[in-house]
Amino acid sequence: MKKAIYISILLTLGIWNFSFSQKTEVEKYYVRVDTSFVTKLKKAYETSTEELIKTLEVKNDRREDLGFGYQLKQSGKGLGSMTINYQILYYKNEIVSYELTTRIPNKSKRLKKIYKEKLSNLFKVNDDFKVEPIYFGIENSTEPLTGIEKWNNNNLNEIMSPFSSIIFGTYCGESMTLMNNRKLFDQIIESDNCEYLLYSKNPATRLMAVEFYYCNLTVFSDVQKKSIDARIGELKRKPMLTKTCSGCIIGGELTGKIITELKNCR
């Protein structure tokens, strides 16, 4: 009986050691894949935008129409344990801005340090292993559409950019979480900047500005109303779909239809 127990323990230890060894080898492989790609990406980034796009294997499909000649491509390249996510802003099929983001995998502190060392050659990584985004042509994403002068107000830049999320809504997902772009919008919106936000390249920002206007008509002057009504009329005549989220459902609706519904704000 004792002999059987002893053999069973040895077999269990053997299986555990084999599984641990396998896991370690897989982890080592993932680290090699991730870190070698970062080296390759750094070289491409320093060469040209064209080479960067080629390295990320960006496909020329599934772009979101933002209206007024702009499109947004959102995707990522999965590696071993990490993913390089990208958002690319196009104007008439030409890349005018992009954002690259990633995060260090949730691994041991030793492995996190390895990732930090390698990623720091391309990204800024703080002591908490948080990786800051890389931007190209960010001013092209934050400046307004034709029809209004650019404001020198950095507080508006994030919500003006399509990179802040182009989905229009308030609460989204199974947990009904307040959407980040809605949170940003609520922090900065006022009657004085509402018209300016109507010229954002971000269709969700434009619609949130329309909503604010219709729900707060009494705080706008007659001069403001005349100008804003004219701009909203232009947006209604633009035949495009806008991504929306209601509850757990992400879909799309025609901009004109959404604006008509927003006009009934109470």
Protein backbone atom coordinates (compact mmCIF):
# COMPACT_ATOMS: atom_id res chain seq x y z
CA MET A 1 0.00 0.00 0.00
CA LYS A 2 2.83 2.39 0.96
CA LYS A 3 4.64 1.50 -2.24
CA ALA A 4 1.56 2.38 -4.31
CA ILE A 5 1.22 5.73 -2.56
CA TYR A 6 4.91 6.46 -3.13
CA ILE A 7 4.61 5.66 -6.84
CA SER A 8 1.50 7.82 -7.08
CA ILE A 9 3.32 10.77 -5.51
CA LEU A 10 6.26 10.35 -7.91
CA LEU A 11 3.92 10.24 -10.88
CA THR A 12 2.09 13.37 -9.70
CA LEU A 13 5.37 15.23 -9.22
CA GLY A 14 6.54 14.09 -12.61
CA ILE A 15 3.39 15.33 -14.31
CA TRP A 16 3.60 18.65 -12.40
CA ASN A 17 7.24 19.15 -13.39
CA PHE A 18 6.45 18.34 -17.01
CA SER A 19 3.50 20.80 -17.06
CA PHE A 20 5.58 23.49 -15.36
CA SER A 21 8.39 22.95 -17.86
CA GLN A 22 5.96 23.19 -20.77
CA LYS A 23 4.44 26.38 -19.39
CA THR A 24 7.89 27.91 -18.93
CA GLU A 25 8.91 27.08 -22.50
CA VAL A 26 5.68 28.56 -23.90
CA GLU A 27 6.21 31.70 -21.84
CA LYS A 28 9.78 32.03 -23.10
CA TYR A 29 8.51 31.64 -26.66
CA TYR A 30 5.89 34.35 -26.18
CA VAL A 31 8.49 36.73 -24.77
CA ARG A 32 10.77 36.11 -27.77
CA VAL A 33 7.91 36.70 -30.20
CA ASP A 34 6.78 39.90 -28.47
CA THR A 35 10.18 41.48 -27.95
CA SER A 36 11.49 40.64 -31.41
CA PHE A 37 8.41 42.23 -32.99
CA VAL A 38 8.89 45.40 -30.94
CA THR A 39 12.42 45.63 -32.36
CA LYS A 40 11.04 45.19 -35.86
CA LEU A 41 8.29 47.74 -35.23
CA LYS A 42 10.79 50.30 -33.92
CA LYS A 43 12.84 50.01 -37.10
CA ALA A 44 9.71 50.42 -39.24
CA TYR A 45 8.52 53.41 -37.18
CA GLU A 46 11.85 55.15 -37.68
CA THR A 47 11.82 54.37 -41.42
CA SER A 48 8.43 55.61 -42.63
CA THR A 49 4.68 55.49 -42.04
CA GLU A 50 4.39 53.21 -45.07
CA GLU A 51 6.85 50.72 -43.53
CA LEU A 52 5.06 50.87 -40.18
CA ILE A 53 1.69 50.09 -41.79
CA LYS A 54 3.30 47.22 -43.69
CA THR A 55 4.84 45.79 -40.51
CA LEU A 56 1.52 45.97 -38.66
CA GLU A 57 -0.10 44.19 -41.63
CA VAL A 58 -2.89 46.76 -41.81
CA LYS A 59 -5.57 45.62 -44.23
CA ASN A 60 -7.28 48.07 -46.52
CA ASP A 61 -10.82 47.27 -45.36
CA ARG A 62 -13.41 47.91 -42.63
CA ARG A 63 -12.80 51.61 -42.29
CA GLU A 64 -15.42 53.67 -40.48
CA ASP A 65 -16.80 56.64 -42.41
CA LEU A 66 -16.50 59.79 -40.32
CA GLY A 67 -17.93 62.06 -43.00
CA PHE A 68 -16.35 64.97 -44.86
CA GLY A 69 -13.75 62.74 -46.53
CA TYR A 70 -12.38 61.18 -43.32
CA GLN A 71 -12.22 57.50 -42.39
CA LEU A 72 -10.97 55.63 -39.32
CA LYS A 73 -9.37 52.19 -39.24
CA GLN A 74 -9.29 50.46 -35.84
CA SER A 75 -7.64 47.10 -35.25
CA GLY A 76 -4.51 45.49 -33.84
CA LYS A 77 -1.80 42.92 -34.39
CA GLY A 78 -1.78 40.08 -31.88
CA LEU A 79 1.58 38.63 -30.95
CA GLY A 80 2.57 36.21 -28.18
CA SER A 81 1.15 37.66 -24.98
CA MET A 82 0.57 41.20 -26.16
CA THR A 83 -1.20 43.13 -28.92
CA ILE A 84 -0.22 46.32 -30.71
CA ASN A 85 -3.48 48.24 -31.22
CA TYR A 86 -3.80 50.99 -33.79
CA GLN A 87 -6.20 53.68 -34.89
CA ILE A 88 -5.46 55.25 -38.26
CA LEU A 89 -7.13 58.40 -39.56
CA TYR A 90 -7.40 58.75 -43.34
CA TYR A 91 -8.36 61.73 -45.42
CA LYS A 92 -9.29 60.84 -48.98
CA ASN A 93 -7.34 57.58 -48.63
CA GLU A 94 -4.20 59.24 -47.28
CA ILE A 95 -2.98 58.60 -43.73
CA VAL A 96 -2.97 61.89 -41.81
CA SER A 97 -2.73 60.64 -38.22
CA TYR A 98 -2.44 57.48 -36.16
CA GLU A 99 -2.33 56.20 -32.59
CA LEU A 100 -0.45 53.11 -31.39
CA THR A 101 -1.22 51.56 -28.00
CA THR A 102 -0.28 48.42 -26.13
CA ARG A 103 0.07 47.13 -22.59
CA ILE A 104 2.56 44.97 -20.75
CA PRO A 105 1.12 41.49 -20.12
CA ASN A 106 0.06 40.66 -16.56
CA LYS A 107 3.00 38.43 -15.73
CA SER A 108 5.65 38.17 -13.02
CA LYS A 109 7.57 41.31 -12.11
CA ARG A 110 10.69 39.82 -13.69
CA LEU A 111 8.95 39.38 -17.03
CA LYS A 112 7.30 42.79 -16.77
CA LYS A 113 10.76 44.33 -16.44
CA ILE A 114 11.88 42.52 -19.59
CA TYR A 115 8.88 43.87 -21.49
CA LYS A 116 9.43 47.35 -20.09
CA GLU A 117 13.09 47.36 -21.16
CA LYS A 118 12.23 46.35 -24.71
CA LEU A 119 9.12 48.53 -25.10
CA SER A 120 10.97 51.56 -23.75
CA ASN A 121 12.95 51.64 -26.99
CA LEU A 122 9.76 52.73 -28.73
CA PHE A 123 7.13 53.72 -26.13
CA LYS A 124 7.31 55.64 -22.88
CA VAL A 125 6.72 53.23 -19.99
CA ASN A 126 6.33 54.44 -16.41
CA ASP A 127 7.38 52.71 -13.18
CA ASP A 128 3.94 51.11 -12.88
CA PHE A 129 4.50 49.46 -16.29
CA LYS A 130 1.87 51.61 -17.97
CA VAL A 131 2.63 52.22 -21.65
CA GLU A 132 1.86 55.64 -23.13
CA PRO A 133 0.39 55.80 -26.66
CA ILE A 134 2.45 56.88 -29.67
CA TYR A 135 0.89 59.51 -31.94
CA PHE A 136 1.64 60.69 -35.43
CA GLY A 137 -0.01 63.83 -36.82
CA ILE A 138 -2.15 64.21 -33.71
CA GLU A 139 -2.91 67.83 -34.64
CA ASN A 140 -4.62 66.52 -37.79
CA SER A 141 -7.05 64.53 -35.66
CA THR A 142 -7.84 67.35 -33.23
CA GLU A 143 -8.23 70.34 -35.52
CA PRO A 144 -11.80 71.18 -36.60
CA LEU A 145 -13.37 70.59 -39.98
CA THR A 146 -13.51 73.41 -42.50
CA GLY A 147 -15.93 76.15 -41.51
CA ILE A 148 -14.58 77.34 -38.17
CA GLU A 149 -11.24 78.62 -36.89
CA LYS A 150 -9.11 76.36 -34.71
CA TRP A 151 -9.13 77.13 -31.00
CA ASN A 152 -5.92 76.99 -28.97
CA ASN A 153 -7.57 75.01 -26.19
CA ASN A 154 -5.88 71.75 -25.23
CA ASN A 155 -8.82 70.77 -23.02
CA LEU A 156 -10.91 70.17 -26.15
CA ASN A 157 -8.34 68.19 -28.13
CA GLU A 158 -9.09 64.73 -26.78
CA ILE A 159 -12.83 64.85 -27.41
CA MET A 160 -12.29 66.52 -30.81
CA SER A 161 -10.19 63.55 -31.96
CA PRO A 162 -11.80 60.38 -33.39
CA PHE A 163 -9.31 58.42 -31.27
CA SER A 164 -11.46 59.10 -28.18
CA SER A 165 -14.17 56.73 -29.57
CA ILE A 166 -16.58 57.34 -32.42
CA ILE A 167 -19.50 55.53 -30.78
CA PHE A 168 -22.46 57.74 -29.81
CA GLY A 169 -24.32 56.84 -26.65
CA THR A 170 -24.29 57.25 -22.89
CA TYR A 171 -24.16 53.91 -21.09
CA CYS A 172 -22.88 50.84 -22.91
CA GLY A 173 -22.15 47.18 -22.24
CA GLU A 174 -23.55 44.51 -19.97
CA SER A 175 -22.57 46.49 -16.88
CA MET A 176 -24.05 49.68 -18.37
CA THR A 177 -20.83 51.64 -17.90
CA LEU A 178 -20.71 55.34 -18.71
CA MET A 179 -18.84 55.59 -22.01
CA ASN A 180 -15.43 57.23 -21.77
CA ASN A 181 -16.08 59.73 -24.57
CA ARG A 182 -19.34 60.74 -22.91
CA LYS A 183 -17.47 61.26 -19.65
CA LEU A 184 -14.87 63.44 -21.42
CA PHE A 185 -17.60 65.40 -23.18
CA ASP A 186 -19.57 66.08 -20.00
CA GLN A 187 -16.44 67.48 -18.37
CA ILE A 188 -15.83 70.17 -21.00
CA ILE A 189 -19.14 71.00 -22.71
CA GLU A 190 -20.63 74.49 -22.31
CA SER A 191 -22.61 76.88 -24.47
CA ASP A 192 -19.48 78.72 -25.61
CA ASN A 193 -17.75 75.67 -27.12
CA CYS A 194 -20.80 73.76 -28.35
CA GLU A 195 -20.65 75.15 -31.89
CA TYR A 196 -16.93 74.43 -32.10
CA LEU A 197 -17.52 70.76 -31.22
CA LEU A 198 -20.03 70.53 -34.07
CA TYR A 199 -16.99 70.80 -36.36
CA SER A 200 -15.15 67.85 -34.80
CA LYS A 201 -13.89 65.09 -37.08
CA ASN A 202 -15.44 62.72 -34.55
CA PRO A 203 -19.10 62.03 -35.47
CA ALA A 204 -19.95 60.99 -31.90
CA THR A 205 -18.66 64.32 -30.59
CA ARG A 206 -20.71 66.19 -33.18
CA LEU A 207 -23.86 64.37 -32.11
CA MET A 208 -23.21 64.91 -28.40
CA ALA A 209 -22.89 68.63 -29.17
CA VAL A 210 -26.21 68.53 -31.06
CA GLU A 211 -27.81 66.79 -28.09
CA PHE A 212 -26.45 69.36 -25.63
CA TYR A 213 -27.74 72.19 -27.80
CA TYR A 214 -31.29 70.85 -28.10
CA CYS A 215 -31.44 69.99 -24.39
CA ASN A 216 -30.18 73.42 -23.28
CA LEU A 217 -31.68 75.90 -25.76
CA THR A 218 -32.33 78.53 -23.10
CA VAL A 219 -28.60 79.07 -22.43
CA PHE A 220 -27.84 80.02 -26.05
CA SER A 221 -28.22 83.51 -27.50
CA ASP A 222 -30.21 84.16 -30.68
CA VAL A 223 -26.96 84.75 -32.57
CA GLN A 224 -25.58 81.40 -31.39
CA LYS A 225 -28.81 79.62 -32.27
CA LYS A 226 -28.79 80.95 -35.82
CA SER A 227 -25.23 79.78 -36.42
CA ILE A 228 -25.67 76.42 -34.70
CA ASP A 229 -28.96 75.67 -36.48
CA ALA A 230 -27.23 76.27 -39.81
CA ARG A 231 -24.43 73.88 -38.88
CA ILE A 232 -26.84 71.18 -37.70
CA GLY A 233 -28.67 71.55 -41.01
CA GLU A 234 -25.40 70.76 -42.80
CA LEU A 235 -24.87 67.67 -40.64
CA LYS A 236 -28.40 66.41 -41.32
CA ARG A 237 -27.82 66.63 -45.04
CA LYS A 238 -24.72 64.44 -44.77
CA PRO A 239 -25.86 60.88 -45.63
CA MET A 240 -23.76 58.71 -43.32
CA LEU A 241 -24.06 56.05 -40.64
CA THR A 242 -22.90 56.75 -37.10
CA LYS A 243 -21.94 53.96 -34.71
CA THR A 244 -24.23 53.92 -31.68
CA CYS A 245 -24.51 51.96 -28.44
CA SER A 246 -27.72 51.39 -26.53
CA GLY A 247 -27.59 48.90 -23.69
CA CYS A 248 -25.47 45.99 -24.87
CA ILE A 249 -26.03 46.59 -28.57
CA ILE A 250 -23.56 48.43 -30.79
CA GLY A 251 -25.11 49.30 -34.12
CA GLY A 252 -25.44 52.16 -36.55
CA GLU A 253 -28.02 54.79 -37.46
CA LEU A 254 -28.25 57.49 -40.08
CA THR A 255 -27.01 60.80 -38.74
CA GLY A 256 -30.10 62.67 -39.95
CA LYS A 257 -32.40 60.28 -38.09
CA ILE A 258 -30.42 60.63 -34.86
CA ILE A 259 -30.48 64.43 -35.08
CA THR A 260 -34.24 64.43 -35.66
CA GLU A 261 -34.73 62.31 -32.55
CA LEU A 262 -32.38 64.51 -30.49
CA LYS A 263 -34.43 67.56 -31.38
CA ASN A 264 -37.20 66.16 -29.20
CA CYS A 265 -35.04 66.47 -26.07
CA ARG A 266 -37.06 67.26 -22.94
